[in-house]
Amino acid sequence: MAQDLPWTLTIPSDLRLLALARAFVSGVCQVGGFDDRTTHAVVLATDEAMNNVIRHGHQGRTDLPIQILCFLHPDRIEVHLHDVGTPFDITQVPDMDPCELRIGGRGVFLMRRLMDELSTTPRPDQGNVLRMVKRCAPPTAG
């Protein structure tokens, strides 16, 4: 299912709203006909990204918005997160040893493992766009 316009959700930057964001992304994946494994990966990566934006980019400020845009394509889903936080370049986050024992700091590691593409670009006005792509087999009819 390809579409020109994205599915969008704009919410305050509040950890209490992560369940709403997860349900939204899961619903978009369901509409796109993606299997459970793909859906779970996309939802978990989005949850980790939202956590990072809220905690680090927005520094817990609940008055700032986060916009989630989901683009459905026959062979992939793209999730874009628009924030108004400080500039961030995801390529500057070093790869992590998965065996390393520590609390926290696994968000980008998980996003890289779960998604096929991950990039950030600065927004012209303020903030960042995080682009995550998950490729998958086209849904079967029937």
N, C-alpha and C. Protein backbone atom coordinates (compact mmCIF):
# COMPACT_ATOMS: atom_id res chain seq x y z
N MET A 1 0.84 -1.18 0.00
CA MET A 1 0.00 0.00 0.00
C MET A 1 0.89 1.24 0.00
N ALA A 2 0.93 1.96 -1.08
CA ALA A 2 1.70 3.20 -1.15
C ALA A 2 0.73 4.37 -1.00
N GLN A 3 1.23 5.43 -0.43
CA GLN A 3 0.40 6.62 -0.30
C GLN A 3 1.30 7.83 -0.41
N ASP A 4 0.71 8.93 -0.86
CA ASP A 4 1.48 10.16 -1.01
C ASP A 4 1.58 10.92 0.31
N LEU A 5 0.51 10.97 1.04
CA LEU A 5 0.48 11.71 2.29
C LEU A 5 0.83 10.79 3.46
N PRO A 6 1.57 11.30 4.43
CA PRO A 6 1.91 10.46 5.58
C PRO A 6 0.77 10.40 6.59
N TRP A 7 0.78 9.34 7.38
CA TRP A 7 -0.05 9.27 8.57
C TRP A 7 0.70 10.10 9.61
N THR A 8 0.02 10.99 10.32
CA THR A 8 0.72 11.85 11.26
C THR A 8 0.05 11.89 12.63
N LEU A 9 0.89 12.06 13.63
CA LEU A 9 0.42 12.24 15.00
C LEU A 9 1.37 13.25 15.64
N THR A 10 0.80 14.28 16.24
CA THR A 10 1.59 15.26 16.97
C THR A 10 1.14 15.22 18.43
N ILE A 11 2.12 15.03 19.32
CA ILE A 11 1.82 14.92 20.75
C ILE A 11 2.82 15.76 21.54
N PRO A 12 2.45 16.12 22.77
CA PRO A 12 3.43 16.77 23.64
C PRO A 12 4.56 15.81 23.99
N SER A 13 5.70 16.36 24.28
CA SER A 13 6.91 15.59 24.61
C SER A 13 6.79 15.09 26.05
N ASP A 14 5.98 14.07 26.24
CA ASP A 14 5.65 13.58 27.58
C ASP A 14 5.76 12.05 27.59
N LEU A 15 6.58 11.53 28.49
CA LEU A 15 6.77 10.07 28.57
C LEU A 15 5.45 9.33 28.77
N ARG A 16 4.48 9.96 29.40
CA ARG A 16 3.18 9.30 29.64
C ARG A 16 2.42 9.04 28.35
N LEU A 17 2.83 9.67 27.25
CA LEU A 17 2.14 9.51 25.98
C LEU A 17 2.82 8.52 25.05
N LEU A 18 3.86 7.84 25.53
CA LEU A 18 4.54 6.85 24.69
C LEU A 18 3.61 5.72 24.26
N ALA A 19 2.69 5.32 25.13
CA ALA A 19 1.74 4.25 24.77
C ALA A 19 0.88 4.68 23.58
N LEU A 20 0.48 5.95 23.55
CA LEU A 20 -0.29 6.46 22.42
C LEU A 20 0.53 6.42 21.14
N ALA A 21 1.80 6.82 21.22
CA ALA A 21 2.67 6.79 20.05
C ALA A 21 2.86 5.36 19.55
N ARG A 22 3.08 4.42 20.48
CA ARG A 22 3.24 3.01 20.08
C ARG A 22 1.98 2.49 19.40
N ALA A 23 0.81 2.81 19.95
CA ALA A 23 -0.45 2.35 19.37
C ALA A 23 -0.66 2.94 17.97
N PHE A 24 -0.29 4.19 17.80
CA PHE A 24 -0.41 4.84 16.50
C PHE A 24 0.45 4.14 15.45
N VAL A 25 1.73 3.94 15.77
CA VAL A 25 2.65 3.30 14.82
C VAL A 25 2.21 1.86 14.53
N SER A 26 1.78 1.16 15.56
CA SER A 26 1.29 -0.21 15.37
C SER A 26 0.08 -0.23 14.44
N GLY A 27 -0.82 0.71 14.63
CA GLY A 27 -2.00 0.80 13.76
C GLY A 27 -1.64 1.09 12.32
N VAL A 28 -0.67 1.97 12.10
CA VAL A 28 -0.23 2.27 10.74
C VAL A 28 0.37 1.02 10.10
N CYS A 29 1.18 0.29 10.86
CA CYS A 29 1.76 -0.97 10.34
C CYS A 29 0.66 -1.96 9.98
N GLN A 30 -0.38 -2.03 10.81
CA GLN A 30 -1.49 -2.93 10.53
C GLN A 30 -2.20 -2.53 9.23
N VAL A 31 -2.45 -1.24 9.06
CA VAL A 31 -3.07 -0.76 7.83
C VAL A 31 -2.19 -1.12 6.63
N GLY A 32 -0.87 -1.03 6.81
CA GLY A 32 0.07 -1.35 5.72
C GLY A 32 0.19 -2.84 5.46
N GLY A 33 -0.38 -3.68 6.31
CA GLY A 33 -0.34 -5.12 6.11
C GLY A 33 0.98 -5.76 6.48
N PHE A 34 1.78 -5.10 7.32
CA PHE A 34 3.07 -5.65 7.71
C PHE A 34 2.90 -6.75 8.75
N ASP A 35 3.80 -7.72 8.72
CA ASP A 35 3.70 -8.85 9.65
C ASP A 35 4.05 -8.41 11.08
N ASP A 36 3.80 -9.32 12.03
CA ASP A 36 4.01 -9.01 13.44
C ASP A 36 5.46 -8.67 13.75
N ARG A 37 6.39 -9.38 13.14
CA ARG A 37 7.81 -9.15 13.42
C ARG A 37 8.23 -7.74 12.97
N THR A 38 7.82 -7.36 11.78
CA THR A 38 8.12 -6.02 11.27
C THR A 38 7.47 -4.96 12.13
N THR A 39 6.21 -5.17 12.45
CA THR A 39 5.48 -4.22 13.29
C THR A 39 6.17 -4.04 14.64
N HIS A 40 6.54 -5.13 15.27
CA HIS A 40 7.20 -5.06 16.57
C HIS A 40 8.51 -4.27 16.48
N ALA A 41 9.28 -4.51 15.45
CA ALA A 41 10.56 -3.82 15.27
C ALA A 41 10.35 -2.32 15.10
N VAL A 42 9.39 -1.95 14.27
CA VAL A 42 9.14 -0.53 14.01
C VAL A 42 8.61 0.16 15.27
N VAL A 43 7.72 -0.49 15.99
CA VAL A 43 7.15 0.10 17.21
C VAL A 43 8.24 0.26 18.27
N LEU A 44 9.07 -0.75 18.46
CA LEU A 44 10.13 -0.67 19.47
C LEU A 44 11.16 0.41 19.10
N ALA A 45 11.56 0.48 17.84
CA ALA A 45 12.51 1.51 17.43
C ALA A 45 11.93 2.91 17.62
N THR A 46 10.65 3.08 17.30
CA THR A 46 10.00 4.38 17.49
C THR A 46 9.92 4.73 18.97
N ASP A 47 9.61 3.76 19.81
CA ASP A 47 9.54 3.99 21.25
C ASP A 47 10.91 4.44 21.79
N GLU A 48 11.97 3.78 21.37
CA GLU A 48 13.32 4.16 21.79
C GLU A 48 13.66 5.57 21.32
N ALA A 49 13.31 5.87 20.07
CA ALA A 49 13.60 7.20 19.53
C ALA A 49 12.82 8.28 20.28
N MET A 50 11.55 8.01 20.56
CA MET A 50 10.73 8.97 21.30
C MET A 50 11.31 9.21 22.70
N ASN A 51 11.71 8.13 23.36
CA ASN A 51 12.34 8.25 24.67
C ASN A 51 13.55 9.18 24.61
N ASN A 52 14.40 8.97 23.60
CA ASN A 52 15.61 9.79 23.46
C ASN A 52 15.27 11.26 23.23
N VAL A 53 14.29 11.52 22.38
CA VAL A 53 13.89 12.90 22.12
C VAL A 53 13.38 13.55 23.40
N ILE A 54 12.49 12.87 24.10
CA ILE A 54 11.88 13.44 25.31
C ILE A 54 12.93 13.67 26.39
N ARG A 55 13.76 12.67 26.64
CA ARG A 55 14.73 12.76 27.74
C ARG A 55 15.93 13.65 27.42
N HIS A 56 16.45 13.53 26.21
CA HIS A 56 17.69 14.22 25.87
C HIS A 56 17.47 15.46 25.00
N GLY A 57 16.76 15.31 23.90
CA GLY A 57 16.55 16.43 22.99
C GLY A 57 15.69 17.53 23.59
N HIS A 58 14.61 17.12 24.23
CA HIS A 58 13.70 18.10 24.83
C HIS A 58 13.94 18.26 26.33
N GLN A 59 14.85 17.49 26.87
CA GLN A 59 15.24 17.56 28.28
C GLN A 59 14.05 17.55 29.22
N GLY A 60 13.06 16.69 28.89
CA GLY A 60 11.89 16.52 29.75
C GLY A 60 10.86 17.62 29.68
N ARG A 61 11.03 18.58 28.79
CA ARG A 61 10.06 19.69 28.67
C ARG A 61 8.80 19.20 27.98
N THR A 62 7.71 19.12 28.71
CA THR A 62 6.46 18.60 28.17
C THR A 62 5.70 19.62 27.32
N ASP A 63 6.19 20.85 27.25
CA ASP A 63 5.53 21.88 26.44
C ASP A 63 6.00 21.85 24.98
N LEU A 64 6.94 20.96 24.67
CA LEU A 64 7.46 20.89 23.31
C LEU A 64 6.78 19.75 22.54
N PRO A 65 6.51 19.94 21.24
CA PRO A 65 5.83 18.90 20.45
C PRO A 65 6.80 17.92 19.80
N ILE A 66 6.29 16.73 19.57
CA ILE A 66 6.95 15.73 18.72
C ILE A 66 5.92 15.32 17.68
N GLN A 67 6.34 15.32 16.43
CA GLN A 67 5.45 14.88 15.36
C GLN A 67 6.00 13.58 14.79
N ILE A 68 5.11 12.60 14.67
CA ILE A 68 5.44 11.31 14.06
C ILE A 68 4.77 11.28 12.69
N LEU A 69 5.57 11.01 11.66
CA LEU A 69 5.04 10.87 10.31
C LEU A 69 5.39 9.47 9.83
N CYS A 70 4.40 8.72 9.39
CA CYS A 70 4.62 7.36 8.87
C CYS A 70 4.24 7.34 7.39
N PHE A 71 5.19 6.89 6.59
CA PHE A 71 4.98 6.78 5.14
C PHE A 71 4.93 5.30 4.79
N LEU A 72 3.83 4.87 4.23
CA LEU A 72 3.67 3.47 3.82
C LEU A 72 4.04 3.29 2.36
N HIS A 73 4.83 2.27 2.09
CA HIS A 73 5.22 1.90 0.73
C HIS A 73 5.03 0.38 0.63
N PRO A 74 4.93 -0.15 -0.58
CA PRO A 74 4.71 -1.59 -0.72
C PRO A 74 5.81 -2.44 -0.09
N ASP A 75 7.04 -1.94 -0.07
CA ASP A 75 8.16 -2.74 0.41
C ASP A 75 8.83 -2.21 1.67
N ARG A 76 8.25 -1.15 2.27
CA ARG A 76 8.89 -0.57 3.45
C ARG A 76 7.93 0.39 4.15
N ILE A 77 8.32 0.72 5.36
CA ILE A 77 7.66 1.80 6.09
C ILE A 77 8.75 2.76 6.53
N GLU A 78 8.47 4.04 6.42
CA GLU A 78 9.37 5.07 6.90
C GLU A 78 8.70 5.79 8.05
N VAL A 79 9.44 5.98 9.13
CA VAL A 79 8.95 6.75 10.26
C VAL A 79 9.88 7.94 10.43
N HIS A 80 9.29 9.12 10.44
CA HIS A 80 10.05 10.35 10.66
C HIS A 80 9.59 10.96 11.97
N LEU A 81 10.53 11.31 12.83
CA LEU A 81 10.20 12.03 14.06
C LEU A 81 10.72 13.45 13.92
N HIS A 82 9.84 14.42 14.09
CA HIS A 82 10.23 15.83 14.05
C HIS A 82 10.23 16.33 15.48
N ASP A 83 11.37 16.84 15.92
CA ASP A 83 11.45 17.41 17.27
C ASP A 83 11.91 18.85 17.17
N VAL A 84 11.94 19.53 18.31
CA VAL A 84 12.43 20.91 18.36
C VAL A 84 13.60 21.01 19.34
N GLY A 85 14.30 19.91 19.50
CA GLY A 85 15.43 19.85 20.42
C GLY A 85 16.71 20.41 19.82
N THR A 86 17.77 20.25 20.58
CA THR A 86 19.08 20.71 20.13
C THR A 86 19.55 19.86 18.95
N PRO A 87 20.36 20.43 18.07
CA PRO A 87 20.84 19.67 16.91
C PRO A 87 21.53 18.37 17.34
N PHE A 88 21.26 17.32 16.56
CA PHE A 88 21.76 16.00 16.91
C PHE A 88 22.13 15.26 15.63
N ASP A 89 23.30 14.65 15.62
CA ASP A 89 23.77 13.87 14.48
C ASP A 89 23.96 12.43 14.94
N ILE A 90 23.07 11.57 14.51
CA ILE A 90 23.08 10.18 14.97
C ILE A 90 24.34 9.44 14.52
N THR A 91 24.97 9.91 13.45
CA THR A 91 26.20 9.23 13.00
C THR A 91 27.35 9.45 13.99
N GLN A 92 27.21 10.42 14.87
CA GLN A 92 28.26 10.68 15.86
C GLN A 92 28.14 9.79 17.10
N VAL A 93 27.05 9.01 17.18
CA VAL A 93 26.88 8.08 18.30
C VAL A 93 27.67 6.82 17.97
N PRO A 94 28.67 6.49 18.78
CA PRO A 94 29.49 5.31 18.46
C PRO A 94 28.71 4.01 18.61
N ASP A 95 29.13 3.00 17.85
CA ASP A 95 28.54 1.68 18.00
C ASP A 95 28.85 1.17 19.40
N MET A 96 27.91 0.43 19.95
CA MET A 96 28.06 -0.07 21.30
C MET A 96 28.29 -1.58 21.27
N ASP A 97 29.10 -2.05 22.18
CA ASP A 97 29.29 -3.49 22.36
C ASP A 97 28.04 -4.02 23.06
N PRO A 98 27.27 -4.92 22.42
CA PRO A 98 26.03 -5.41 23.04
C PRO A 98 26.26 -6.17 24.34
N CYS A 99 27.49 -6.61 24.59
CA CYS A 99 27.79 -7.33 25.83
C CYS A 99 28.15 -6.39 26.98
N GLU A 100 28.31 -5.11 26.66
CA GLU A 100 28.67 -4.14 27.69
C GLU A 100 27.56 -4.02 28.72
N LEU A 101 27.93 -4.11 29.97
CA LEU A 101 26.96 -4.00 31.06
C LEU A 101 26.89 -2.56 31.53
N ARG A 102 25.73 -1.95 31.34
CA ARG A 102 25.51 -0.60 31.84
C ARG A 102 24.02 -0.32 31.81
N ILE A 103 23.63 0.66 32.57
CA ILE A 103 22.22 1.05 32.61
C ILE A 103 22.02 2.15 31.57
N GLY A 104 21.06 1.98 30.71
CA GLY A 104 20.75 2.99 29.71
C GLY A 104 21.73 2.99 28.55
N GLY A 105 21.50 3.92 27.61
CA GLY A 105 22.41 4.09 26.50
C GLY A 105 22.27 3.07 25.39
N ARG A 106 21.18 2.35 25.36
CA ARG A 106 20.99 1.32 24.33
C ARG A 106 19.99 1.70 23.24
N GLY A 107 19.43 2.90 23.34
CA GLY A 107 18.40 3.31 22.39
C GLY A 107 18.86 3.32 20.95
N VAL A 108 19.96 4.00 20.67
CA VAL A 108 20.46 4.08 19.29
C VAL A 108 20.92 2.71 18.83
N PHE A 109 21.54 1.95 19.72
CA PHE A 109 21.95 0.58 19.39
C PHE A 109 20.74 -0.23 18.92
N LEU A 110 19.65 -0.18 19.67
CA LEU A 110 18.44 -0.93 19.29
C LEU A 110 17.85 -0.41 17.98
N MET A 111 17.81 0.89 17.81
CA MET A 111 17.27 1.44 16.57
C MET A 111 18.08 0.96 15.37
N ARG A 112 19.40 0.94 15.52
CA ARG A 112 20.25 0.47 14.43
C ARG A 112 20.02 -1.01 14.13
N ARG A 113 19.80 -1.80 15.16
CA ARG A 113 19.57 -3.24 14.97
C ARG A 113 18.20 -3.54 14.39
N LEU A 114 17.21 -2.77 14.77
CA LEU A 114 15.84 -3.04 14.37
C LEU A 114 15.47 -2.50 13.00
N MET A 115 16.08 -1.39 12.61
CA MET A 115 15.71 -0.72 11.37
C MET A 115 16.80 -0.89 10.32
N ASP A 116 16.44 -0.71 9.06
CA ASP A 116 17.39 -0.87 7.96
C ASP A 116 18.13 0.42 7.63
N GLU A 117 17.53 1.55 7.91
CA GLU A 117 18.17 2.84 7.69
C GLU A 117 17.83 3.75 8.86
N LEU A 118 18.80 4.57 9.22
CA LEU A 118 18.63 5.50 10.34
C LEU A 118 19.46 6.73 10.02
N SER A 119 18.82 7.90 10.01
CA SER A 119 19.55 9.13 9.73
C SER A 119 18.87 10.30 10.42
N THR A 120 19.65 11.36 10.65
CA THR A 120 19.10 12.59 11.20
C THR A 120 19.49 13.75 10.29
N THR A 121 18.60 14.72 10.20
CA THR A 121 18.90 15.96 9.51
C THR A 121 18.33 17.10 10.35
N PRO A 122 19.03 18.23 10.35
CA PRO A 122 18.50 19.37 11.08
C PRO A 122 17.29 19.94 10.36
N ARG A 123 16.33 20.42 11.13
CA ARG A 123 15.18 21.11 10.55
C ARG A 123 15.58 22.56 10.30
N PRO A 124 15.06 23.19 9.25
CA PRO A 124 15.46 24.57 8.93
C PRO A 124 15.14 25.56 10.06
N ASP A 125 14.02 25.37 10.72
CA ASP A 125 13.62 26.31 11.76
C ASP A 125 14.30 25.99 13.10
N GLN A 126 14.10 24.79 13.59
CA GLN A 126 14.69 24.36 14.86
C GLN A 126 14.42 22.87 15.02
N GLY A 127 15.38 22.16 15.56
CA GLY A 127 15.18 20.75 15.85
C GLY A 127 15.77 19.83 14.80
N ASN A 128 15.26 18.61 14.81
CA ASN A 128 15.80 17.53 14.00
C ASN A 128 14.69 16.71 13.37
N VAL A 129 15.06 16.02 12.31
CA VAL A 129 14.21 14.97 11.74
C VAL A 129 14.99 13.68 11.84
N LEU A 130 14.45 12.72 12.55
CA LEU A 130 15.02 11.38 12.59
C LEU A 130 14.24 10.55 11.58
N ARG A 131 14.95 9.94 10.64
CA ARG A 131 14.32 9.11 9.61
C ARG A 131 14.72 7.67 9.84
N MET A 132 13.72 6.81 10.01
CA MET A 132 13.95 5.38 10.19
C MET A 132 13.20 4.62 9.11
N VAL A 133 13.86 3.67 8.48
CA VAL A 133 13.25 2.88 7.42
C VAL A 133 13.35 1.41 7.77
N LYS A 134 12.24 0.70 7.59
CA LYS A 134 12.22 -0.75 7.75
C LYS A 134 11.71 -1.34 6.45
N ARG A 135 12.57 -2.10 5.77
CA ARG A 135 12.17 -2.78 4.54
C ARG A 135 11.57 -4.14 4.89
N CYS A 136 10.64 -4.56 4.06
CA CYS A 136 9.99 -5.85 4.32
C CYS A 136 9.39 -6.37 3.02
N ALA A 137 8.99 -7.60 3.07
CA ALA A 137 8.35 -8.21 1.91
C ALA A 137 6.99 -7.56 1.71
N PRO A 138 6.59 -7.37 0.46
CA PRO A 138 5.26 -6.81 0.23
C PRO A 138 4.18 -7.71 0.84
N PRO A 139 3.15 -7.10 1.43
CA PRO A 139 2.08 -7.91 1.99
C PRO A 139 1.41 -8.76 0.93
N THR A 140 1.00 -9.95 1.31
CA THR A 140 0.32 -10.84 0.38
C THR A 140 -1.17 -10.54 0.41
N ALA A 141 -1.78 -10.64 -0.75
CA ALA A 141 -3.23 -10.40 -0.85
C ALA A 141 -3.97 -11.60 -0.31
N GLY A 142 -5.12 -11.31 0.24
CA GLY A 142 -5.97 -12.41 0.66
C GLY A 142 -6.18 -12.44 2.04
